[in-house]
């Protein structure tokens, strides 16, 4: 019944969509035609967002994200998914 699913991951890399929790959420979101926002502590450069699936890195300026970084990443991700 959700309009959007938001989840977190410590590090997103090529293996994230193959067998990890994020991959199961993505399958469920695809089946329900719902967008998925993944806020990650770090994001491997080889990983790219796609339609209704957006990855957003929280730790941009330092290797460790704090609550403000996570909140800012969530807002950036929502804007990207909503195109607003």
PDB file of N, CA and C in Angstrom:
ATOM      1  N   UNK A   1       0.806  -1.200   0.000  1.00  0.00           N
ATOM      2  CA  UNK A   1       0.000   0.000   0.000  1.00  0.00           C
ATOM      3  C   UNK A   1       0.850   1.265   0.000  1.00  0.00           C
ATOM      4  N   UNK A   2       2.140   1.143   0.169  1.00  0.00           N
ATOM      5  CA  UNK A   2       3.019   2.313   0.194  1.00  0.00           C
ATOM      6  C   UNK A   2       3.160   2.914  -1.206  1.00  0.00           C
ATOM      7  N   UNK A   3       3.411   4.215  -1.259  1.00  0.00           N
ATOM      8  CA  UNK A   3       3.666   4.887  -2.531  1.00  0.00           C
ATOM      9  C   UNK A   3       5.140   4.832  -2.898  1.00  0.00           C
ATOM     10  N   UNK A   4       5.978   4.619  -1.892  1.00  0.00           N
ATOM     11  CA  UNK A   4       7.428   4.643  -2.066  1.00  0.00           C
ATOM     12  C   UNK A   4       8.053   3.803  -0.958  1.00  0.00           C
ATOM     13  N   UNK A   5       9.142   3.113  -1.292  1.00  0.00           N
ATOM     14  CA  UNK A   5       9.895   2.354  -0.286  1.00  0.00           C
ATOM     15  C   UNK A   5      11.274   2.988  -0.170  1.00  0.00           C
ATOM     16  N   UNK A   6      11.697   3.247   1.066  1.00  0.00           N
ATOM     17  CA  UNK A   6      13.024   3.791   1.344  1.00  0.00           C
ATOM     18  C   UNK A   6      13.742   2.794   2.233  1.00  0.00           C
ATOM     19  N   UNK A   7      14.972   2.456   1.860  1.00  0.00           N
ATOM     20  CA  UNK A   7      15.760   1.535   2.665  1.00  0.00           C
ATOM     21  C   UNK A   7      17.191   2.060   2.742  1.00  0.00           C
ATOM     22  N   UNK A   8      17.971   1.488   3.615  1.00  0.00           N
ATOM     23  CA  UNK A   8      19.363   1.888   3.780  1.00  0.00           C
ATOM     24  C   UNK A   8      20.293   0.707   3.602  1.00  0.00           C
ATOM     25  N   UNK A   9      21.510   1.025   3.240  1.00  0.00           N
ATOM     26  CA  UNK A   9      22.532   0.004   3.029  1.00  0.00           C
ATOM     27  C   UNK A   9      23.866   0.648   3.375  1.00  0.00           C
ATOM     28  N   UNK A  10      24.743  -0.084   4.026  1.00  0.00           N
ATOM     29  CA  UNK A  10      26.046   0.464   4.382  1.00  0.00           C
ATOM     30  C   UNK A  10      26.861   0.830   3.166  1.00  0.00           C
ATOM     31  N   UNK A  11      26.948  -0.113   2.223  1.00  0.00           N
ATOM     32  CA  UNK A  11      27.682   0.113   0.975  1.00  0.00           C
ATOM     33  C   UNK A  11      26.909  -0.528  -0.157  1.00  0.00           C
ATOM     34  N   UNK A  12      26.713   0.204  -1.226  1.00  0.00           N
ATOM     35  CA  UNK A  12      26.064  -0.336  -2.412  1.00  0.00           C
ATOM     36  C   UNK A  12      27.138  -0.564  -3.463  1.00  0.00           C
ATOM     37  N   UNK A  13      27.186  -1.803  -3.967  1.00  0.00           N
ATOM     38  CA  UNK A  13      28.101  -2.131  -5.053  1.00  0.00           C
ATOM     39  C   UNK A  13      27.376  -3.053  -6.031  1.00  0.00           C
ATOM     40  N   UNK A  14      28.104  -3.629  -6.976  1.00  0.00           N
ATOM     41  CA  UNK A  14      27.471  -4.459  -8.003  1.00  0.00           C
ATOM     42  C   UNK A  14      26.707  -5.644  -7.434  1.00  0.00           C
ATOM     43  N   UNK A  15      27.103  -6.147  -6.291  1.00  0.00           N
ATOM     44  CA  UNK A  15      26.442  -7.321  -5.713  1.00  0.00           C
ATOM     45  C   UNK A  15      25.142  -6.990  -4.983  1.00  0.00           C
ATOM     46  N   UNK A  16      24.859  -5.709  -4.763  1.00  0.00           N
ATOM     47  CA  UNK A  16      23.705  -5.302  -3.963  1.00  0.00           C
ATOM     48  C   UNK A  16      22.389  -5.826  -4.534  1.00  0.00           C
ATOM     49  N   UNK A  17      22.251  -5.847  -5.841  1.00  0.00           N
ATOM     50  CA  UNK A  17      20.991  -6.293  -6.447  1.00  0.00           C
ATOM     51  C   UNK A  17      20.970  -7.794  -6.739  1.00  0.00           C
ATOM     52  N   UNK A  18      21.923  -8.530  -6.194  1.00  0.00           N
ATOM     53  CA  UNK A  18      21.981  -9.972  -6.421  1.00  0.00           C
ATOM     54  C   UNK A  18      22.022 -10.728  -5.097  1.00  0.00           C
ATOM     55  N   UNK A  19      20.829 -10.970  -4.532  1.00  0.00           N
ATOM     56  CA  UNK A  19      20.731 -11.809  -3.346  1.00  0.00           C
ATOM     57  C   UNK A  19      20.714 -11.090  -2.008  1.00  0.00           C
ATOM     58  N   UNK A  20      20.971  -9.805  -1.980  1.00  0.00           N
ATOM     59  CA  UNK A  20      20.928  -9.077  -0.720  1.00  0.00           C
ATOM     60  C   UNK A  20      19.518  -8.549  -0.473  1.00  0.00           C
ATOM     61  N   UNK A  21      19.274  -8.029   0.711  1.00  0.00           N
ATOM     62  CA  UNK A  21      17.944  -7.547   1.083  1.00  0.00           C
ATOM     63  C   UNK A  21      17.425  -6.528   0.070  1.00  0.00           C
ATOM     64  N   UNK A  22      18.282  -5.634  -0.393  1.00  0.00           N
ATOM     65  CA  UNK A  22      17.869  -4.629  -1.366  1.00  0.00           C
ATOM     66  C   UNK A  22      17.317  -5.289  -2.623  1.00  0.00           C
ATOM     67  N   UNK A  23      17.914  -6.384  -3.048  1.00  0.00           N
ATOM     68  CA  UNK A  23      17.427  -7.059  -4.259  1.00  0.00           C
ATOM     69  C   UNK A  23      16.014  -7.602  -4.058  1.00  0.00           C
ATOM     70  N   UNK A  24      15.722  -8.106  -2.877  1.00  0.00           N
ATOM     71  CA  UNK A  24      14.368  -8.618  -2.597  1.00  0.00           C
ATOM     72  C   UNK A  24      13.350  -7.467  -2.537  1.00  0.00           C
ATOM     73  N   UNK A  25      13.741  -6.367  -1.925  1.00  0.00           N
ATOM     74  CA  UNK A  25      12.864  -5.197  -1.899  1.00  0.00           C
ATOM     75  C   UNK A  25      12.606  -4.695  -3.319  1.00  0.00           C
ATOM     76  N   UNK A  26      13.647  -4.664  -4.142  1.00  0.00           N
ATOM     77  CA  UNK A  26      13.507  -4.189  -5.506  1.00  0.00           C
ATOM     78  C   UNK A  26      12.547  -5.081  -6.306  1.00  0.00           C
ATOM     79  N   UNK A  27      12.632  -6.383  -6.107  1.00  0.00           N
ATOM     80  CA  UNK A  27      11.707  -7.307  -6.778  1.00  0.00           C
ATOM     81  C   UNK A  27      10.266  -7.025  -6.356  1.00  0.00           C
ATOM     82  N   UNK A  28      10.059  -6.815  -5.068  1.00  0.00           N
ATOM     83  CA  UNK A  28       8.713  -6.524  -4.575  1.00  0.00           C
ATOM     84  C   UNK A  28       8.211  -5.179  -5.103  1.00  0.00           C
ATOM     85  N   UNK A  29       9.085  -4.189  -5.155  1.00  0.00           N
ATOM     86  CA  UNK A  29       8.696  -2.879  -5.675  1.00  0.00           C
ATOM     87  C   UNK A  29       8.363  -2.959  -7.158  1.00  0.00           C
ATOM     88  N   UNK A  30       9.148  -3.716  -7.902  1.00  0.00           N
ATOM     89  CA  UNK A  30       8.855  -3.881  -9.325  1.00  0.00           C
ATOM     90  C   UNK A  30       7.491  -4.533  -9.520  1.00  0.00           C
ATOM     91  N   UNK A  31       7.209  -5.561  -8.758  1.00  0.00           N
ATOM     92  CA  UNK A  31       5.933  -6.268  -8.875  1.00  0.00           C
ATOM     93  C   UNK A  31       4.753  -5.359  -8.543  1.00  0.00           C
ATOM     94  N   UNK A  32       4.965  -4.429  -7.623  1.00  0.00           N
ATOM     95  CA  UNK A  32       3.898  -3.512  -7.201  1.00  0.00           C
ATOM     96  C   UNK A  32       3.944  -2.180  -7.953  1.00  0.00           C
ATOM     97  N   UNK A  33       4.907  -2.046  -8.879  1.00  0.00           N
ATOM     98  CA  UNK A  33       5.089  -0.806  -9.640  1.00  0.00           C
ATOM     99  C   UNK A  33       5.292   0.393  -8.714  1.00  0.00           C
ATOM    100  N   UNK A  34       6.190   0.222  -7.727  1.00  0.00           N
ATOM    101  CA  UNK A  34       6.498   1.272  -6.752  1.00  0.00           C
ATOM    102  C   UNK A  34       7.984   1.621  -6.835  1.00  0.00           C
ATOM    103  N   UNK A  35       8.348   2.876  -6.589  1.00  0.00           N
ATOM    104  CA  UNK A  35       9.759   3.261  -6.593  1.00  0.00           C
ATOM    105  C   UNK A  35      10.470   2.836  -5.307  1.00  0.00           C
ATOM    106  N   UNK A  36      11.787   2.620  -5.436  1.00  0.00           N
ATOM    107  CA  UNK A  36      12.635   2.248  -4.308  1.00  0.00           C
ATOM    108  C   UNK A  36      13.796   3.231  -4.234  1.00  0.00           C
ATOM    109  N   UNK A  37      13.973   3.832  -3.070  1.00  0.00           N
ATOM    110  CA  UNK A  37      15.102   4.715  -2.796  1.00  0.00           C
ATOM    111  C   UNK A  37      16.028   3.996  -1.829  1.00  0.00           C
ATOM    112  N   UNK A  38      17.288   3.845  -2.216  1.00  0.00           N
ATOM    113  CA  UNK A  38      18.295   3.214  -1.366  1.00  0.00           C
ATOM    114  C   UNK A  38      19.291   4.289  -0.952  1.00  0.00           C
ATOM    115  N   UNK A  39      19.311   4.613   0.330  1.00  0.00           N
ATOM    116  CA  UNK A  39      20.273   5.564   0.879  1.00  0.00           C
ATOM    117  C   UNK A  39      21.434   4.746   1.428  1.00  0.00           C
ATOM    118  N   UNK A  40      22.617   5.008   0.882  1.00  0.00           N
ATOM    119  CA  UNK A  40      23.789   4.201   1.221  1.00  0.00           C
ATOM    120  C   UNK A  40      24.862   5.039   1.892  1.00  0.00           C
ATOM    121  N   UNK A  41      25.584   4.402   2.786  1.00  0.00           N
ATOM    122  CA  UNK A  41      26.732   5.068   3.381  1.00  0.00           C
ATOM    123  C   UNK A  41      27.782   5.377   2.336  1.00  0.00           C
ATOM    124  N   UNK A  42      28.001   4.433   1.429  1.00  0.00           N
ATOM    125  CA  UNK A  42      28.898   4.674   0.300  1.00  0.00           C
ATOM    126  C   UNK A  42      28.332   3.975  -0.926  1.00  0.00           C
ATOM    127  N   UNK A  43      28.667   4.512  -2.071  1.00  0.00           N
ATOM    128  CA  UNK A  43      28.100   4.053  -3.326  1.00  0.00           C
ATOM    129  C   UNK A  43      29.222   3.820  -4.320  1.00  0.00           C
ATOM    130  N   UNK A  44      29.378   2.585  -4.773  1.00  0.00           N
ATOM    131  CA  UNK A  44      30.395   2.246  -5.755  1.00  0.00           C
ATOM    132  C   UNK A  44      30.070   2.949  -7.076  1.00  0.00           C
ATOM    133  N   UNK A  45      31.077   3.462  -7.727  1.00  0.00           N
ATOM    134  CA  UNK A  45      30.877   4.207  -8.978  1.00  0.00           C
ATOM    135  C   UNK A  45      30.272   3.343 -10.085  1.00  0.00           C
ATOM    136  N   UNK A  46      30.355   2.035  -9.978  1.00  0.00           N
ATOM    137  CA  UNK A  46      29.827   1.145 -11.018  1.00  0.00           C
ATOM    138  C   UNK A  46      28.310   0.965 -10.929  1.00  0.00           C
ATOM    139  N   UNK A  47      27.704   1.465  -9.850  1.00  0.00           N
ATOM    140  CA  UNK A  47      26.262   1.293  -9.633  1.00  0.00           C
ATOM    141  C   UNK A  47      25.530   2.536 -10.117  1.00  0.00           C
ATOM    142  N   UNK A  48      24.502   2.308 -10.925  1.00  0.00           N
ATOM    143  CA  UNK A  48      23.744   3.424 -11.479  1.00  0.00           C
ATOM    144  C   UNK A  48      22.266   3.271 -11.153  1.00  0.00           C
ATOM    145  N   UNK A  49      21.637   4.383 -10.882  1.00  0.00           N
ATOM    146  CA  UNK A  49      20.194   4.391 -10.653  1.00  0.00           C
ATOM    147  C   UNK A  49      19.496   4.078 -11.977  1.00  0.00           C
ATOM    148  N   UNK A  50      18.276   3.617 -11.881  1.00  0.00           N
ATOM    149  CA  UNK A  50      17.476   3.346 -13.064  1.00  0.00           C
ATOM    150  C   UNK A  50      16.039   3.742 -12.780  1.00  0.00           C
ATOM    151  N   UNK A  51      15.171   3.538 -13.730  1.00  0.00           N
ATOM    152  CA  UNK A  51      13.791   3.957 -13.546  1.00  0.00           C
ATOM    153  C   UNK A  51      13.195   3.316 -12.295  1.00  0.00           C
ATOM    154  N   UNK A  52      12.646   4.143 -11.418  1.00  0.00           N
ATOM    155  CA  UNK A  52      12.006   3.728 -10.161  1.00  0.00           C
ATOM    156  C   UNK A  52      12.963   3.062  -9.175  1.00  0.00           C
ATOM    157  N   UNK A  53      14.254   3.172  -9.421  1.00  0.00           N
ATOM    158  CA  UNK A  53      15.259   2.682  -8.473  1.00  0.00           C
ATOM    159  C   UNK A  53      16.350   3.736  -8.397  1.00  0.00           C
ATOM    160  N   UNK A  54      16.494   4.344  -7.221  1.00  0.00           N
ATOM    161  CA  UNK A  54      17.474   5.406  -7.075  1.00  0.00           C
ATOM    162  C   UNK A  54      18.400   5.101  -5.909  1.00  0.00           C
ATOM    163  N   UNK A  55      19.696   5.208  -6.167  1.00  0.00           N
ATOM    164  CA  UNK A  55      20.713   5.073  -5.132  1.00  0.00           C
ATOM    165  C   UNK A  55      21.242   6.454  -4.808  1.00  0.00           C
ATOM    166  N   UNK A  56      21.367   6.742  -3.524  1.00  0.00           N
ATOM    167  CA  UNK A  56      21.870   8.039  -3.089  1.00  0.00           C
ATOM    168  C   UNK A  56      22.901   7.821  -1.995  1.00  0.00           C
ATOM    169  N   UNK A  57      24.094   8.384  -2.169  1.00  0.00           N
ATOM    170  CA  UNK A  57      25.153   8.254  -1.167  1.00  0.00           C
ATOM    171  C   UNK A  57      24.955   9.292  -0.070  1.00  0.00           C
ATOM    172  N   UNK A  58      25.078   8.859   1.164  1.00  0.00           N
ATOM    173  CA  UNK A  58      24.933   9.766   2.306  1.00  0.00           C
ATOM    174  C   UNK A  58      26.272  10.393   2.692  1.00  0.00           C
ATOM    175  N   UNK A  59      27.337   9.624   2.609  1.00  0.00           N
ATOM    176  CA  UNK A  59      28.650  10.110   3.036  1.00  0.00           C
ATOM    177  C   UNK A  59      29.383  10.700   1.839  1.00  0.00           C
ATOM    178  N   UNK A  60      29.154  11.981   1.573  1.00  0.00           N
ATOM    179  CA  UNK A  60      29.776  12.620   0.417  1.00  0.00           C
ATOM    180  C   UNK A  60      31.104  13.288   0.775  1.00  0.00           C
ATOM    181  N   UNK A  61      31.146  13.979   1.902  1.00  0.00           N
ATOM    182  CA  UNK A  61      32.334  14.748   2.265  1.00  0.00           C
ATOM    183  C   UNK A  61      33.295  13.969   3.159  1.00  0.00           C
ATOM    184  N   UNK A  62      32.811  12.925   3.802  1.00  0.00           N
ATOM    185  CA  UNK A  62      33.657  12.143   4.705  1.00  0.00           C
ATOM    186  C   UNK A  62      33.294  10.671   4.578  1.00  0.00           C
ATOM    187  N   UNK A  63      34.135   9.779   5.069  1.00  0.00           N
ATOM    188  CA  UNK A  63      33.838   8.353   4.941  1.00  0.00           C
ATOM    189  C   UNK A  63      32.700   7.864   5.841  1.00  0.00           C
ATOM    190  N   UNK A  64      32.291   8.681   6.796  1.00  0.00           N
ATOM    191  CA  UNK A  64      31.230   8.267   7.714  1.00  0.00           C
ATOM    192  C   UNK A  64      30.082   9.273   7.652  1.00  0.00           C
ATOM    193  N   UNK A  65      28.864   8.752   7.459  1.00  0.00           N
ATOM    194  CA  UNK A  65      27.689   9.619   7.387  1.00  0.00           C
ATOM    195  C   UNK A  65      27.099   9.813   8.774  1.00  0.00           C
ATOM    196  N   UNK A  66      26.670  11.038   9.059  1.00  0.00           N
ATOM    197  CA  UNK A  66      25.944  11.278  10.305  1.00  0.00           C
ATOM    198  C   UNK A  66      24.465  11.473   9.968  1.00  0.00           C
ATOM    199  N   UNK A  67      23.655  11.749  10.976  1.00  0.00           N
ATOM    200  CA  UNK A  67      22.209  11.860  10.772  1.00  0.00           C
ATOM    201  C   UNK A  67      21.858  12.953   9.768  1.00  0.00           C
ATOM    202  N   UNK A  68      22.568  14.062   9.805  1.00  0.00           N
ATOM    203  CA  UNK A  68      22.297  15.153   8.863  1.00  0.00           C
ATOM    204  C   UNK A  68      22.618  14.729   7.432  1.00  0.00           C
ATOM    205  N   UNK A  69      23.712  13.979   7.255  1.00  0.00           N
ATOM    206  CA  UNK A  69      24.077  13.482   5.925  1.00  0.00           C
ATOM    207  C   UNK A  69      23.006  12.534   5.391  1.00  0.00           C
ATOM    208  N   UNK A  70      22.512  11.666   6.258  1.00  0.00           N
ATOM    209  CA  UNK A  70      21.496  10.685   5.852  1.00  0.00           C
ATOM    210  C   UNK A  70      20.198  11.399   5.481  1.00  0.00           C
ATOM    211  N   UNK A  71      19.818  12.389   6.270  1.00  0.00           N
ATOM    212  CA  UNK A  71      18.601  13.158   5.972  1.00  0.00           C
ATOM    213  C   UNK A  71      18.746  13.895   4.646  1.00  0.00           C
ATOM    214  N   UNK A  72      19.896  14.514   4.417  1.00  0.00           N
ATOM    215  CA  UNK A  72      20.127  15.246   3.172  1.00  0.00           C
ATOM    216  C   UNK A  72      20.108  14.299   1.973  1.00  0.00           C
ATOM    217  N   UNK A  73      20.701  13.125   2.120  1.00  0.00           N
ATOM    218  CA  UNK A  73      20.705  12.137   1.035  1.00  0.00           C
ATOM    219  C   UNK A  73      19.295  11.664   0.729  1.00  0.00           C
ATOM    220  N   UNK A  74      18.499  11.505   1.762  1.00  0.00           N
ATOM    221  CA  UNK A  74      17.107  11.075   1.568  1.00  0.00           C
ATOM    222  C   UNK A  74      16.330  12.133   0.788  1.00  0.00           C
ATOM    223  N   UNK A  75      16.525  13.385   1.139  1.00  0.00           N
ATOM    224  CA  UNK A  75      15.845  14.476   0.424  1.00  0.00           C
ATOM    225  C   UNK A  75      16.313  14.521  -1.031  1.00  0.00           C
ATOM    226  N   UNK A  76      17.615  14.405  -1.272  1.00  0.00           N
ATOM    227  CA  UNK A  76      18.137  14.402  -2.654  1.00  0.00           C
ATOM    228  C   UNK A  76      17.520  13.253  -3.445  1.00  0.00           C
ATOM    229  N   UNK A  77      17.441  12.078  -2.814  1.00  0.00           N
ATOM    230  CA  UNK A  77      16.877  10.916  -3.480  1.00  0.00           C
ATOM    231  C   UNK A  77      15.406  11.079  -3.797  1.00  0.00           C
ATOM    232  N   UNK A  78      14.661  11.653  -2.866  1.00  0.00           N
ATOM    233  CA  UNK A  78      13.228  11.898  -3.108  1.00  0.00           C
ATOM    234  C   UNK A  78      13.033  12.876  -4.261  1.00  0.00           C
ATOM    235  N   UNK A  79      13.856  13.920  -4.301  1.00  0.00           N
ATOM    236  CA  UNK A  79      13.760  14.890  -5.392  1.00  0.00           C
ATOM    237  C   UNK A  79      14.077  14.225  -6.724  1.00  0.00           C
ATOM    238  N   UNK A  80      15.072  13.350  -6.737  1.00  0.00           N
ATOM    239  CA  UNK A  80      15.432  12.669  -7.979  1.00  0.00           C
ATOM    240  C   UNK A  80      14.327  11.736  -8.454  1.00  0.00           C
ATOM    241  N   UNK A  81      13.706  11.021  -7.528  1.00  0.00           N
ATOM    242  CA  UNK A  81      12.631  10.099  -7.896  1.00  0.00           C
ATOM    243  C   UNK A  81      11.367  10.838  -8.325  1.00  0.00           C
ATOM    244  N   UNK A  82      11.100  11.958  -7.673  1.00  0.00           N
ATOM    245  CA  UNK A  82       9.883  12.710  -7.963  1.00  0.00           C
ATOM    246  C   UNK A  82      10.065  13.713  -9.089  1.00  0.00           C
ATOM    247  N   UNK A  83      11.321  13.969  -9.456  1.00  0.00           N
ATOM    248  CA  UNK A  83      11.643  14.961 -10.483  1.00  0.00           C
ATOM    249  C   UNK A  83      10.997  16.304 -10.164  1.00  0.00           C
ATOM    250  N   UNK A  84      11.088  16.680  -8.871  1.00  0.00           N
ATOM    251  CA  UNK A  84      10.510  17.961  -8.467  1.00  0.00           C
ATOM    252  C   UNK A  84      11.577  18.888  -7.929  1.00  0.00           C
TER     253      UNK A  84
END
